[in-house]
Amino acid sequence: MNDLLRAISNSLKPFGYHVRRYKAPNILKISNLEGGANDENIKSLRQAANKGYMPADSSLDQMMIYVRTCIRSDRNVDTSKRLTDASLEENTLRCLRSLVKSCNHLAKAMPDKKLEVIVLDDRSDQASLDNIKRVLEGLSVPWNVEQTEETGQGPSLHQQFSDSRAHNALIYFCEDDYLHEEDALAVCWRFYEDMAQKLGTHMVLYPQEHAVLYEDHYPSYLVTGADRHWRTMRHATHTFITHSHVVRDFWKYFENTKYVGNRKKRKKGSEARTTNNLFKAIPGFSPLKPAAVHLQFEETLPPLYDWTKLWDENAA
């Protein structure tokens, strides 16, 4: 919704009217769920969708993908048994292959769009870095591998967010342990573009449902995309799609990601204290049929998802 229509809509609200775009979702108030514990779950998301944040120069025709990698023998990782029971390198390479396939699918399905991949590598062992590059050579879109300025999870997170502000594009911030459906990027891009036009706002897309949605249940609005349903949400990891202008203009919600992995200050860098605050200003959506999944532990997967077929398809 542009500023003029928004001003007209606000002036008519005291009389019980609301102006919205033609065929846009009319996100109605649910009175008995607002005003209490559900304010953050329903009211804030409803208001964010109706209020809107969309700078006039926002481009929806370009996407930058930032992927953070780190495969080295001395990396400090959680020693808990992984879902796939594979090595860190094998897990990373299969996830990267799935991302490459999704990029190439998008290039064919949406040839009018511009896509670029930037891998921020945190000092992987040389043999592993060579393997990463070999996988990326399968991309049909521009790509580059850059070494992070500083080592560590927090610094690499902070760098990707900081660097993204220089662009005018959709940005996909992606960890190296997300396994992608072949049409993942096309599905997300089409939904983002469609919903941005209908609601007149940028948003956050998380490519799968977060497990917390089925542990600490809270109400959601459901909307339909071209091929699946999506739900509003206010929980995501630091893997998500949004616009570079969001990062630029809401930088206060990204700055403290530099503390992720810092034992003394890691709480400051948590999603709850950083990027989840975006949902106060813009709506968030996740697909009920996953576009990509966090292939780490059983509890990080969305419910009722069989990852094994996709895992097998992305073997070398």
C-alpha atoms as a PDB file:
ATOM      1  CA  MET A   1       0.000   0.000   0.000  1.00  0.00           C
ATOM      2  CA  ASN A   2       1.443   3.385  -0.984  1.00  0.00           C
ATOM      3  CA  ASP A   3       1.580   6.347   1.396  1.00  0.00           C
ATOM      4  CA  LEU A   4      -1.503   8.054  -0.029  1.00  0.00           C
ATOM      5  CA  LEU A   5      -3.713   4.964   0.249  1.00  0.00           C
ATOM      6  CA  ARG A   6      -2.339   4.311   3.724  1.00  0.00           C
ATOM      7  CA  ALA A   7      -3.220   7.849   4.821  1.00  0.00           C
ATOM      8  CA  ILE A   8      -6.737   7.493   3.397  1.00  0.00           C
ATOM      9  CA  SER A   9      -7.160   4.134   5.108  1.00  0.00           C
ATOM     10  CA  ASN A  10      -6.030   5.520   8.473  1.00  0.00           C
ATOM     11  CA  SER A  11      -8.437   8.468   8.177  1.00  0.00           C
ATOM     12  CA  LEU A  12     -11.346   6.087   7.571  1.00  0.00           C
ATOM     13  CA  LYS A  13     -10.579   3.648  10.399  1.00  0.00           C
ATOM     14  CA  PRO A  14     -12.576   5.630  13.031  1.00  0.00           C
ATOM     15  CA  PHE A  15     -15.621   5.093  10.810  1.00  0.00           C
ATOM     16  CA  GLY A  16     -15.049   1.372  10.533  1.00  0.00           C
ATOM     17  CA  TYR A  17     -13.469   1.251   7.070  1.00  0.00           C
ATOM     18  CA  HIS A  18     -10.134  -0.020   5.817  1.00  0.00           C
ATOM     19  CA  VAL A  19      -8.616   0.521   2.359  1.00  0.00           C
ATOM     20  CA  ARG A  20      -6.577  -2.314   0.903  1.00  0.00           C
ATOM     21  CA  ARG A  21      -5.128  -3.287  -2.449  1.00  0.00           C
ATOM     22  CA  TYR A  22      -7.384  -5.112  -4.881  1.00  0.00           C
ATOM     23  CA  LYS A  23      -7.408  -8.845  -4.041  1.00  0.00           C
ATOM     24  CA  ALA A  24      -4.907  -8.313  -1.213  1.00  0.00           C
ATOM     25  CA  PRO A  25      -5.435 -10.380   1.946  1.00  0.00           C
ATOM     26  CA  ASN A  26      -7.666  -8.496   4.365  1.00  0.00           C
ATOM     27  CA  ILE A  27      -5.926  -9.359   7.630  1.00  0.00           C
ATOM     28  CA  LEU A  28      -8.698  -8.830  10.155  1.00  0.00           C
ATOM     29  CA  LYS A  29      -8.425  -8.188  13.855  1.00  0.00           C
ATOM     30  CA  ILE A  30      -9.119 -11.135  16.172  1.00  0.00           C
ATOM     31  CA  SER A  31     -10.258  -9.230  19.235  1.00  0.00           C
ATOM     32  CA  ASN A  32     -10.273 -12.055  21.754  1.00  0.00           C
ATOM     33  CA  LEU A  33      -6.655 -12.931  20.870  1.00  0.00           C
ATOM     34  CA  GLU A  34      -5.288  -9.413  21.138  1.00  0.00           C
ATOM     35  CA  GLY A  35      -4.558  -7.293  24.145  1.00  0.00           C
ATOM     36  CA  GLY A  36      -2.862 -10.025  26.147  1.00  0.00           C
ATOM     37  CA  ALA A  37      -0.186 -12.659  25.765  1.00  0.00           C
ATOM     38  CA  ASN A  38      -0.909 -12.983  22.034  1.00  0.00           C
ATOM     39  CA  ASP A  39      -0.068  -9.391  21.149  1.00  0.00           C
ATOM     40  CA  GLU A  40       3.328 -10.363  19.765  1.00  0.00           C
ATOM     41  CA  ASN A  41       1.865 -13.310  17.868  1.00  0.00           C
ATOM     42  CA  ILE A  42      -1.205 -11.774  16.280  1.00  0.00           C
ATOM     43  CA  LYS A  43      -1.465  -8.028  16.806  1.00  0.00           C
ATOM     44  CA  SER A  44       2.106  -7.093  15.943  1.00  0.00           C
ATOM     45  CA  LEU A  45       2.123  -9.220  12.784  1.00  0.00           C
ATOM     46  CA  ARG A  46      -1.286  -7.965  11.689  1.00  0.00           C
ATOM     47  CA  GLN A  47      -0.243  -4.370  12.241  1.00  0.00           C
ATOM     48  CA  ALA A  48       3.085  -4.912  10.490  1.00  0.00           C
ATOM     49  CA  ALA A  49       1.310  -6.323   7.443  1.00  0.00           C
ATOM     50  CA  ASN A  50      -1.235  -3.495   7.360  1.00  0.00           C
ATOM     51  CA  LYS A  51       1.284  -0.741   8.093  1.00  0.00           C
ATOM     52  CA  GLY A  52       3.868  -1.834   5.564  1.00  0.00           C
ATOM     53  CA  TYR A  53       7.501  -0.978   4.899  1.00  0.00           C
ATOM     54  CA  MET A  54       8.456  -0.647   1.244  1.00  0.00           C
ATOM     55  CA  PRO A  55      10.894   2.079   0.120  1.00  0.00           C
ATOM     56  CA  ALA A  56       9.946   3.310  -3.340  1.00  0.00           C
ATOM     57  CA  ASP A  57      13.251   2.259  -4.924  1.00  0.00           C
ATOM     58  CA  SER A  58      13.056  -1.368  -3.723  1.00  0.00           C
ATOM     59  CA  SER A  59      14.044  -3.826  -6.455  1.00  0.00           C
ATOM     60  CA  LEU A  60      12.420  -7.263  -6.454  1.00  0.00           C
ATOM     61  CA  ASP A  61      14.160  -8.405  -9.638  1.00  0.00           C
ATOM     62  CA  GLN A  62      17.527  -9.297  -8.093  1.00  0.00           C
ATOM     63  CA  MET A  63      18.619 -11.700  -5.361  1.00  0.00           C
ATOM     64  CA  MET A  64      21.942 -12.125  -3.603  1.00  0.00           C
ATOM     65  CA  ILE A  65      22.593 -15.369  -1.740  1.00  0.00           C
ATOM     66  CA  TYR A  66      25.105 -15.321   1.088  1.00  0.00           C
ATOM     67  CA  VAL A  67      26.238 -18.785   2.187  1.00  0.00           C
ATOM     68  CA  ARG A  68      28.588 -19.169   5.147  1.00  0.00           C
ATOM     69  CA  THR A  69      30.898 -22.190   5.110  1.00  0.00           C
ATOM     70  CA  CYS A  70      33.552 -23.510   7.461  1.00  0.00           C
ATOM     71  CA  ILE A  71      35.027 -27.005   7.076  1.00  0.00           C
ATOM     72  CA  ARG A  72      38.213 -27.404   9.052  1.00  0.00           C
ATOM     73  CA  SER A  73      39.615 -30.009  11.393  1.00  0.00           C
ATOM     74  CA  ASP A  74      39.883 -27.657  14.390  1.00  0.00           C
ATOM     75  CA  ARG A  75      36.396 -26.168  14.054  1.00  0.00           C
ATOM     76  CA  ASN A  76      34.485 -26.062  17.333  1.00  0.00           C
ATOM     77  CA  VAL A  77      31.214 -27.869  16.627  1.00  0.00           C
ATOM     78  CA  ASP A  78      28.445 -29.496  18.632  1.00  0.00           C
ATOM     79  CA  THR A  79      29.524 -33.120  19.032  1.00  0.00           C
ATOM     80  CA  SER A  80      25.945 -34.394  19.260  1.00  0.00           C
ATOM     81  CA  LYS A  81      25.112 -37.035  16.669  1.00  0.00           C
ATOM     82  CA  ARG A  82      23.955 -35.443  13.447  1.00  0.00           C
ATOM     83  CA  LEU A  83      20.763 -36.418  11.676  1.00  0.00           C
ATOM     84  CA  THR A  84      22.574 -37.781   8.615  1.00  0.00           C
ATOM     85  CA  ASP A  85      25.407 -39.451  10.547  1.00  0.00           C
ATOM     86  CA  ALA A  86      27.736 -38.037   7.863  1.00  0.00           C
ATOM     87  CA  SER A  87      30.891 -35.977   8.211  1.00  0.00           C
ATOM     88  CA  LEU A  88      30.731 -32.191   8.365  1.00  0.00           C
ATOM     89  CA  GLU A  89      32.197 -31.992   4.861  1.00  0.00           C
ATOM     90  CA  GLU A  90      29.771 -34.496   3.366  1.00  0.00           C
ATOM     91  CA  ASN A  91      26.835 -32.711   4.997  1.00  0.00           C
ATOM     92  CA  THR A  92      27.988 -29.337   3.692  1.00  0.00           C
ATOM     93  CA  LEU A  93      28.689 -30.513   0.145  1.00  0.00           C
ATOM     94  CA  ARG A  94      25.319 -32.230  -0.262  1.00  0.00           C
ATOM     95  CA  CYS A  95      23.511 -29.143   1.018  1.00  0.00           C
ATOM     96  CA  LEU A  96      25.527 -26.971  -1.372  1.00  0.00           C
ATOM     97  CA  ARG A  97      24.694 -29.277  -4.284  1.00  0.00           C
ATOM     98  CA  SER A  98      21.006 -28.887  -3.464  1.00  0.00           C
ATOM     99  CA  LEU A  99      21.406 -25.093  -3.441  1.00  0.00           C
ATOM    100  CA  VAL A 100      23.207 -25.191  -6.791  1.00  0.00           C
ATOM    101  CA  LYS A 101      20.341 -27.211  -8.283  1.00  0.00           C
ATOM    102  CA  SER A 102      17.818 -24.740  -6.897  1.00  0.00           C
ATOM    103  CA  CYS A 103      19.764 -21.781  -8.336  1.00  0.00           C
ATOM    104  CA  ASN A 104      19.946 -23.409 -11.755  1.00  0.00           C
ATOM    105  CA  HIS A 105      16.253 -24.272 -11.643  1.00  0.00           C
ATOM    106  CA  LEU A 106      15.432 -20.643 -10.878  1.00  0.00           C
ATOM    107  CA  ALA A 107      17.627 -19.396 -13.723  1.00  0.00           C
ATOM    108  CA  LYS A 108      15.526 -21.445 -16.146  1.00  0.00           C
ATOM    109  CA  ALA A 109      12.138 -20.879 -14.513  1.00  0.00           C
ATOM    110  CA  MET A 110      12.564 -17.123 -13.975  1.00  0.00           C
ATOM    111  CA  PRO A 111      15.049 -15.970 -16.661  1.00  0.00           C
ATOM    112  CA  ASP A 112      14.125 -12.302 -16.174  1.00  0.00           C
ATOM    113  CA  LYS A 113      15.544 -12.341 -12.637  1.00  0.00           C
ATOM    114  CA  LYS A 114      19.171 -11.754 -11.654  1.00  0.00           C
ATOM    115  CA  LEU A 115      20.742 -14.096  -9.126  1.00  0.00           C
ATOM    116  CA  GLU A 116      24.231 -14.144  -7.610  1.00  0.00           C
ATOM    117  CA  VAL A 117      25.841 -16.396  -5.001  1.00  0.00           C
ATOM    118  CA  ILE A 118      28.524 -15.277  -2.556  1.00  0.00           C
ATOM    119  CA  VAL A 119      30.138 -17.870  -0.308  1.00  0.00           C
ATOM    120  CA  LEU A 120      31.759 -16.440   2.812  1.00  0.00           C
ATOM    121  CA  ASP A 121      34.229 -19.092   3.856  1.00  0.00           C
ATOM    122  CA  ASP A 122      35.770 -19.091   7.314  1.00  0.00           C
ATOM    123  CA  ARG A 123      39.185 -20.641   6.633  1.00  0.00           C
ATOM    124  CA  SER A 124      38.142 -24.105   5.524  1.00  0.00           C
ATOM    125  CA  ASP A 125      40.946 -26.617   5.096  1.00  0.00           C
ATOM    126  CA  GLN A 126      42.337 -26.254   1.564  1.00  0.00           C
ATOM    127  CA  ALA A 127      41.145 -29.661   0.358  1.00  0.00           C
ATOM    128  CA  SER A 128      37.636 -28.941   1.631  1.00  0.00           C
ATOM    129  CA  LEU A 129      37.647 -25.461   0.098  1.00  0.00           C
ATOM    130  CA  ASP A 130      38.641 -26.993  -3.244  1.00  0.00           C
ATOM    131  CA  ASN A 131      35.669 -29.367  -2.957  1.00  0.00           C
ATOM    132  CA  ILE A 132      33.344 -26.458  -2.180  1.00  0.00           C
ATOM    133  CA  LYS A 133      34.529 -24.657  -5.316  1.00  0.00           C
ATOM    134  CA  ARG A 134      34.064 -27.779  -7.419  1.00  0.00           C
ATOM    135  CA  VAL A 135      30.420 -27.943  -6.349  1.00  0.00           C
ATOM    136  CA  LEU A 136      29.924 -24.234  -7.066  1.00  0.00           C
ATOM    137  CA  GLU A 137      31.348 -24.669 -10.566  1.00  0.00           C
ATOM    138  CA  GLY A 138      28.035 -26.311 -11.408  1.00  0.00           C
ATOM    139  CA  LEU A 139      26.232 -22.979 -10.994  1.00  0.00           C
ATOM    140  CA  SER A 140      24.788 -21.306 -14.088  1.00  0.00           C
ATOM    141  CA  VAL A 141      24.672 -17.938 -12.285  1.00  0.00           C
ATOM    142  CA  PRO A 142      27.549 -15.686 -11.138  1.00  0.00           C
ATOM    143  CA  TRP A 143      29.290 -16.791  -7.943  1.00  0.00           C
ATOM    144  CA  ASN A 144      32.309 -15.999  -5.844  1.00  0.00           C
ATOM    145  CA  VAL A 145      34.083 -17.352  -2.759  1.00  0.00           C
ATOM    146  CA  GLU A 146      35.429 -14.839  -0.259  1.00  0.00           C
ATOM    147  CA  GLN A 147      37.301 -15.416   2.975  1.00  0.00           C
ATOM    148  CA  THR A 148      35.648 -13.827   5.997  1.00  0.00           C
ATOM    149  CA  GLU A 149      37.430 -10.815   7.459  1.00  0.00           C
ATOM    150  CA  GLU A 150      37.475 -12.419  10.915  1.00  0.00           C
ATOM    151  CA  THR A 151      37.125 -16.015  12.021  1.00  0.00           C
ATOM    152  CA  GLY A 152      34.168 -17.171  14.067  1.00  0.00           C
ATOM    153  CA  GLN A 153      30.426 -17.670  13.727  1.00  0.00           C
ATOM    154  CA  GLY A 154      29.476 -14.225  15.019  1.00  0.00           C
ATOM    155  CA  PRO A 155      31.888 -12.257  12.822  1.00  0.00           C
ATOM    156  CA  SER A 156      30.798 -14.151   9.682  1.00  0.00           C
ATOM    157  CA  LEU A 157      27.121 -13.546  10.485  1.00  0.00           C
ATOM    158  CA  HIS A 158      27.783  -9.876  11.076  1.00  0.00           C
ATOM    159  CA  GLN A 159      29.787  -9.568   7.863  1.00  0.00           C
ATOM    160  CA  GLN A 160      27.096 -11.071   5.637  1.00  0.00           C
ATOM    161  CA  PHE A 161      24.470  -8.770   7.097  1.00  0.00           C
ATOM    162  CA  SER A 162      26.732  -5.737   6.868  1.00  0.00           C
ATOM    163  CA  ASP A 163      27.840  -6.451   3.298  1.00  0.00           C
ATOM    164  CA  SER A 164      24.264  -6.962   2.101  1.00  0.00           C
ATOM    165  CA  ARG A 165      23.399  -3.328   2.771  1.00  0.00           C
ATOM    166  CA  ALA A 166      25.369  -2.252  -0.286  1.00  0.00           C
ATOM    167  CA  HIS A 167      22.828  -3.885  -2.619  1.00  0.00           C
ATOM    168  CA  ASN A 168      19.281  -3.160  -3.707  1.00  0.00           C
ATOM    169  CA  ALA A 169      18.009  -6.709  -3.901  1.00  0.00           C
ATOM    170  CA  LEU A 170      16.336  -9.562  -2.113  1.00  0.00           C
ATOM    171  CA  ILE A 171      18.875 -11.267   0.127  1.00  0.00           C
ATOM    172  CA  TYR A 172      18.947 -14.919   1.140  1.00  0.00           C
ATOM    173  CA  PHE A 173      21.139 -15.438   4.190  1.00  0.00           C
ATOM    174  CA  CYS A 174      21.856 -19.157   4.246  1.00  0.00           C
ATOM    175  CA  GLU A 175      23.800 -21.498   6.496  1.00  0.00           C
ATOM    176  CA  ASP A 176      25.673 -24.387   4.921  1.00  0.00           C
ATOM    177  CA  ASP A 177      23.509 -27.091   6.504  1.00  0.00           C
ATOM    178  CA  TYR A 178      20.212 -26.301   4.760  1.00  0.00           C
ATOM    179  CA  LEU A 179      19.032 -28.896   2.234  1.00  0.00           C
ATOM    180  CA  HIS A 180      16.994 -27.289  -0.570  1.00  0.00           C
ATOM    181  CA  GLU A 181      14.173 -28.563  -2.712  1.00  0.00           C
ATOM    182  CA  GLU A 182      14.936 -27.980  -6.391  1.00  0.00           C
ATOM    183  CA  ASP A 183      12.235 -25.312  -6.711  1.00  0.00           C
ATOM    184  CA  ALA A 184      12.972 -23.729  -3.315  1.00  0.00           C
ATOM    185  CA  LEU A 185      14.291 -20.390  -4.549  1.00  0.00           C
ATOM    186  CA  ALA A 186      11.677 -19.977  -7.258  1.00  0.00           C
ATOM    187  CA  VAL A 187       8.869 -20.761  -4.800  1.00  0.00           C
ATOM    188  CA  CYS A 188      10.143 -18.268  -2.242  1.00  0.00           C
ATOM    189  CA  TRP A 189      10.870 -15.529  -4.770  1.00  0.00           C
ATOM    190  CA  ARG A 190       7.430 -15.803  -6.384  1.00  0.00           C
ATOM    191  CA  PHE A 191       5.689 -15.716  -3.004  1.00  0.00           C
ATOM    192  CA  TYR A 192       7.746 -12.756  -1.804  1.00  0.00           C
ATOM    193  CA  GLU A 193       7.060 -10.780  -4.964  1.00  0.00           C
ATOM    194  CA  ASP A 194       3.345 -11.599  -4.959  1.00  0.00           C
ATOM    195  CA  MET A 195       2.821 -10.841  -1.268  1.00  0.00           C
ATOM    196  CA  ALA A 196       4.931  -7.663  -1.411  1.00  0.00           C
ATOM    197  CA  GLN A 197       2.702  -6.355  -4.200  1.00  0.00           C
ATOM    198  CA  LYS A 198      -0.496  -7.306  -2.387  1.00  0.00           C
ATOM    199  CA  LEU A 199       0.459  -6.001   1.058  1.00  0.00           C
ATOM    200  CA  GLY A 200       2.839  -3.258  -0.016  1.00  0.00           C
ATOM    201  CA  THR A 201       5.546  -4.344   2.387  1.00  0.00           C
ATOM    202  CA  HIS A 202       8.811  -6.203   2.654  1.00  0.00           C
ATOM    203  CA  MET A 203       8.850  -9.273   4.865  1.00  0.00           C
ATOM    204  CA  VAL A 204      10.915 -12.132   6.252  1.00  0.00           C
ATOM    205  CA  LEU A 205      10.608 -15.577   4.689  1.00  0.00           C
ATOM    206  CA  TYR A 206      11.898 -18.548   6.642  1.00  0.00           C
ATOM    207  CA  PRO A 207      12.130 -21.531   4.236  1.00  0.00           C
ATOM    208  CA  GLN A 208      10.704 -24.042   6.714  1.00  0.00           C
ATOM    209  CA  GLU A 209       8.490 -23.981   9.768  1.00  0.00           C
ATOM    210  CA  HIS A 210      10.441 -23.504  12.984  1.00  0.00           C
ATOM    211  CA  ALA A 211      10.084 -26.327  15.503  1.00  0.00           C
ATOM    212  CA  VAL A 212       9.036 -23.862  18.207  1.00  0.00           C
ATOM    213  CA  LEU A 213       5.755 -23.337  16.357  1.00  0.00           C
ATOM    214  CA  TYR A 214       4.737 -26.809  17.484  1.00  0.00           C
ATOM    215  CA  GLU A 215       6.147 -26.529  21.001  1.00  0.00           C
ATOM    216  CA  ASP A 216       4.995 -23.082  22.122  1.00  0.00           C
ATOM    217  CA  HIS A 217       1.870 -22.915  19.989  1.00  0.00           C
ATOM    218  CA  TYR A 218       0.610 -19.518  18.993  1.00  0.00           C
ATOM    219  CA  PRO A 219      -2.066 -18.427  16.519  1.00  0.00           C
ATOM    220  CA  SER A 220      -1.147 -17.684  12.913  1.00  0.00           C
ATOM    221  CA  TYR A 221      -2.831 -16.270   9.845  1.00  0.00           C
ATOM    222  CA  LEU A 222      -2.766 -18.601   6.825  1.00  0.00           C
ATOM    223  CA  VAL A 223      -2.355 -17.340   3.260  1.00  0.00           C
ATOM    224  CA  THR A 224      -2.097 -19.188  -0.048  1.00  0.00           C
ATOM    225  CA  GLY A 225       0.816 -19.009  -2.432  1.00  0.00           C
ATOM    226  CA  ALA A 226       0.898 -20.390  -5.959  1.00  0.00           C
ATOM    227  CA  ASP A 227       1.402 -23.982  -4.843  1.00  0.00           C
ATOM    228  CA  ARG A 228       1.270 -24.145  -1.036  1.00  0.00           C
ATOM    229  CA  HIS A 229      -0.023 -22.507   2.104  1.00  0.00           C
ATOM    230  CA  TRP A 230       2.094 -20.143   4.187  1.00  0.00           C
ATOM    231  CA  ARG A 231       1.655 -19.094   7.791  1.00  0.00           C
ATOM    232  CA  THR A 232       2.573 -15.927   9.613  1.00  0.00           C
ATOM    233  CA  MET A 233       5.263 -16.449  12.226  1.00  0.00           C
ATOM    234  CA  ARG A 234       7.694 -14.531  14.417  1.00  0.00           C
ATOM    235  CA  HIS A 235      10.431 -17.136  14.924  1.00  0.00           C
ATOM    236  CA  ALA A 236      13.287 -17.915  12.533  1.00  0.00           C
ATOM    237  CA  THR A 237      16.955 -18.744  12.676  1.00  0.00           C
ATOM    238  CA  HIS A 238      19.507 -16.461  11.040  1.00  0.00           C
ATOM    239  CA  THR A 239      18.715 -18.209   7.739  1.00  0.00           C
ATOM    240  CA  PHE A 240      15.987 -16.258   5.932  1.00  0.00           C
ATOM    241  CA  ILE A 241      15.053 -14.125   2.933  1.00  0.00           C
ATOM    242  CA  THR A 242      14.360 -10.407   3.164  1.00  0.00           C
ATOM    243  CA  HIS A 243      15.371  -7.227   1.324  1.00  0.00           C
ATOM    244  CA  SER A 244      18.672  -5.398   1.662  1.00  0.00           C
ATOM    245  CA  HIS A 245      16.774  -2.221   2.557  1.00  0.00           C
ATOM    246  CA  VAL A 246      15.366  -4.032   5.598  1.00  0.00           C
ATOM    247  CA  VAL A 247      18.891  -4.742   6.810  1.00  0.00           C
ATOM    248  CA  ARG A 248      19.932  -1.171   6.065  1.00  0.00           C
ATOM    249  CA  ASP A 249      17.022   0.529   7.802  1.00  0.00           C
ATOM    250  CA  PHE A 250      16.664  -1.875  10.730  1.00  0.00           C
ATOM    251  CA  TRP A 251      20.370  -2.359  11.356  1.00  0.00           C
ATOM    252  CA  LYS A 252      19.853  -2.186  15.126  1.00  0.00           C
ATOM    253  CA  TYR A 253      18.341  -5.676  14.915  1.00  0.00           C
ATOM    254  CA  PHE A 254      21.446  -7.063  13.160  1.00  0.00           C
ATOM    255  CA  GLU A 255      24.365  -5.381  14.893  1.00  0.00           C
ATOM    256  CA  ASN A 256      24.583  -7.777  17.855  1.00  0.00           C
ATOM    257  CA  THR A 257      24.745 -10.912  15.706  1.00  0.00           C
ATOM    258  CA  LYS A 258      28.500 -10.402  16.088  1.00  0.00           C
ATOM    259  CA  TYR A 259      28.148 -11.937  19.554  1.00  0.00           C
ATOM    260  CA  VAL A 260      26.924 -15.332  18.318  1.00  0.00           C
ATOM    261  CA  GLY A 261      29.432 -17.914  19.526  1.00  0.00           C
ATOM    262  CA  ASN A 262      30.816 -15.542  22.168  1.00  0.00           C
ATOM    263  CA  ARG A 263      30.466 -17.451  25.434  1.00  0.00           C
ATOM    264  CA  LYS A 264      30.093 -14.342  27.571  1.00  0.00           C
ATOM    265  CA  LYS A 265      27.802 -12.369  25.270  1.00  0.00           C
ATOM    266  CA  ARG A 266      26.106 -15.022  23.132  1.00  0.00           C
ATOM    267  CA  LYS A 267      22.630 -14.194  24.505  1.00  0.00           C
ATOM    268  CA  LYS A 268      22.940 -10.719  22.990  1.00  0.00           C
ATOM    269  CA  GLY A 269      23.379 -12.352  19.589  1.00  0.00           C
ATOM    270  CA  SER A 270      20.461 -14.779  19.839  1.00  0.00           C
ATOM    271  CA  GLU A 271      17.638 -14.612  17.312  1.00  0.00           C
ATOM    272  CA  ALA A 272      15.272 -13.496  20.074  1.00  0.00           C
ATOM    273  CA  ARG A 273      17.389 -10.398  20.732  1.00  0.00           C
ATOM    274  CA  THR A 274      18.358  -9.665  17.131  1.00  0.00           C
ATOM    275  CA  THR A 275      16.557 -10.550  13.902  1.00  0.00           C
ATOM    276  CA  ASN A 276      13.307 -11.831  15.451  1.00  0.00           C
ATOM    277  CA  ASN A 277      12.681  -8.200  16.392  1.00  0.00           C
ATOM    278  CA  LEU A 278      12.050  -7.544  12.706  1.00  0.00           C
ATOM    279  CA  PHE A 279       8.563  -8.986  13.168  1.00  0.00           C
ATOM    280  CA  LYS A 280       7.608  -5.851  15.086  1.00  0.00           C
ATOM    281  CA  ALA A 281       7.960  -3.922  11.826  1.00  0.00           C
ATOM    282  CA  ILE A 282       7.349  -6.359   8.957  1.00  0.00           C
ATOM    283  CA  PRO A 283       5.422  -9.628   8.639  1.00  0.00           C
ATOM    284  CA  GLY A 284       7.086 -13.027   8.602  1.00  0.00           C
ATOM    285  CA  PHE A 285       5.960 -16.123   6.695  1.00  0.00           C
ATOM    286  CA  SER A 286       7.023 -19.748   6.514  1.00  0.00           C
ATOM    287  CA  PRO A 287       5.701 -22.416   4.110  1.00  0.00           C
ATOM    288  CA  LEU A 288       3.705 -25.338   5.436  1.00  0.00           C
ATOM    289  CA  LYS A 289       5.337 -27.435   2.696  1.00  0.00           C
ATOM    290  CA  PRO A 290       9.065 -26.752   3.256  1.00  0.00           C
ATOM    291  CA  ALA A 291      11.239 -25.148   0.598  1.00  0.00           C
ATOM    292  CA  ALA A 292      14.448 -26.036   2.463  1.00  0.00           C
ATOM    293  CA  VAL A 293      15.188 -27.746   5.766  1.00  0.00           C
ATOM    294  CA  HIS A 294      17.772 -27.347   8.515  1.00  0.00           C
ATOM    295  CA  LEU A 295      19.613 -30.647   8.190  1.00  0.00           C
ATOM    296  CA  GLN A 296      21.220 -30.744  11.600  1.00  0.00           C
ATOM    297  CA  PHE A 297      19.237 -32.644  14.234  1.00  0.00           C
ATOM    298  CA  GLU A 298      15.811 -34.274  14.313  1.00  0.00           C
ATOM    299  CA  GLU A 299      14.467 -31.365  16.354  1.00  0.00           C
ATOM    300  CA  THR A 300      15.567 -28.800  13.753  1.00  0.00           C
ATOM    301  CA  LEU A 301      13.469 -30.381  10.982  1.00  0.00           C
ATOM    302  CA  PRO A 302       9.918 -29.289  10.210  1.00  0.00           C
ATOM    303  CA  PRO A 303       7.296 -31.913  11.101  1.00  0.00           C
ATOM    304  CA  LEU A 304       6.363 -34.775   8.786  1.00  0.00           C
ATOM    305  CA  TYR A 305       9.245 -34.162   6.390  1.00  0.00           C
ATOM    306  CA  ASP A 306      11.179 -37.019   4.772  1.00  0.00           C
ATOM    307  CA  TRP A 307      14.621 -35.628   3.952  1.00  0.00           C
ATOM    308  CA  THR A 308      16.213 -38.922   2.885  1.00  0.00           C
ATOM    309  CA  LYS A 309      15.193 -38.846  -0.809  1.00  0.00           C
ATOM    310  CA  LEU A 310      16.591 -35.329  -1.249  1.00  0.00           C
ATOM    311  CA  TRP A 311      19.726 -36.305   0.646  1.00  0.00           C
ATOM    312  CA  ASP A 312      20.310 -39.286  -1.661  1.00  0.00           C
ATOM    313  CA  GLU A 313      19.725 -37.174  -4.772  1.00  0.00           C
ATOM    314  CA  ASN A 314      22.534 -34.820  -3.764  1.00  0.00           C
ATOM    315  CA  ALA A 315      25.277 -37.381  -3.317  1.00  0.00           C
ATOM    316  CA  ALA A 316      28.386 -36.864  -5.449  1.00  0.00           C
END
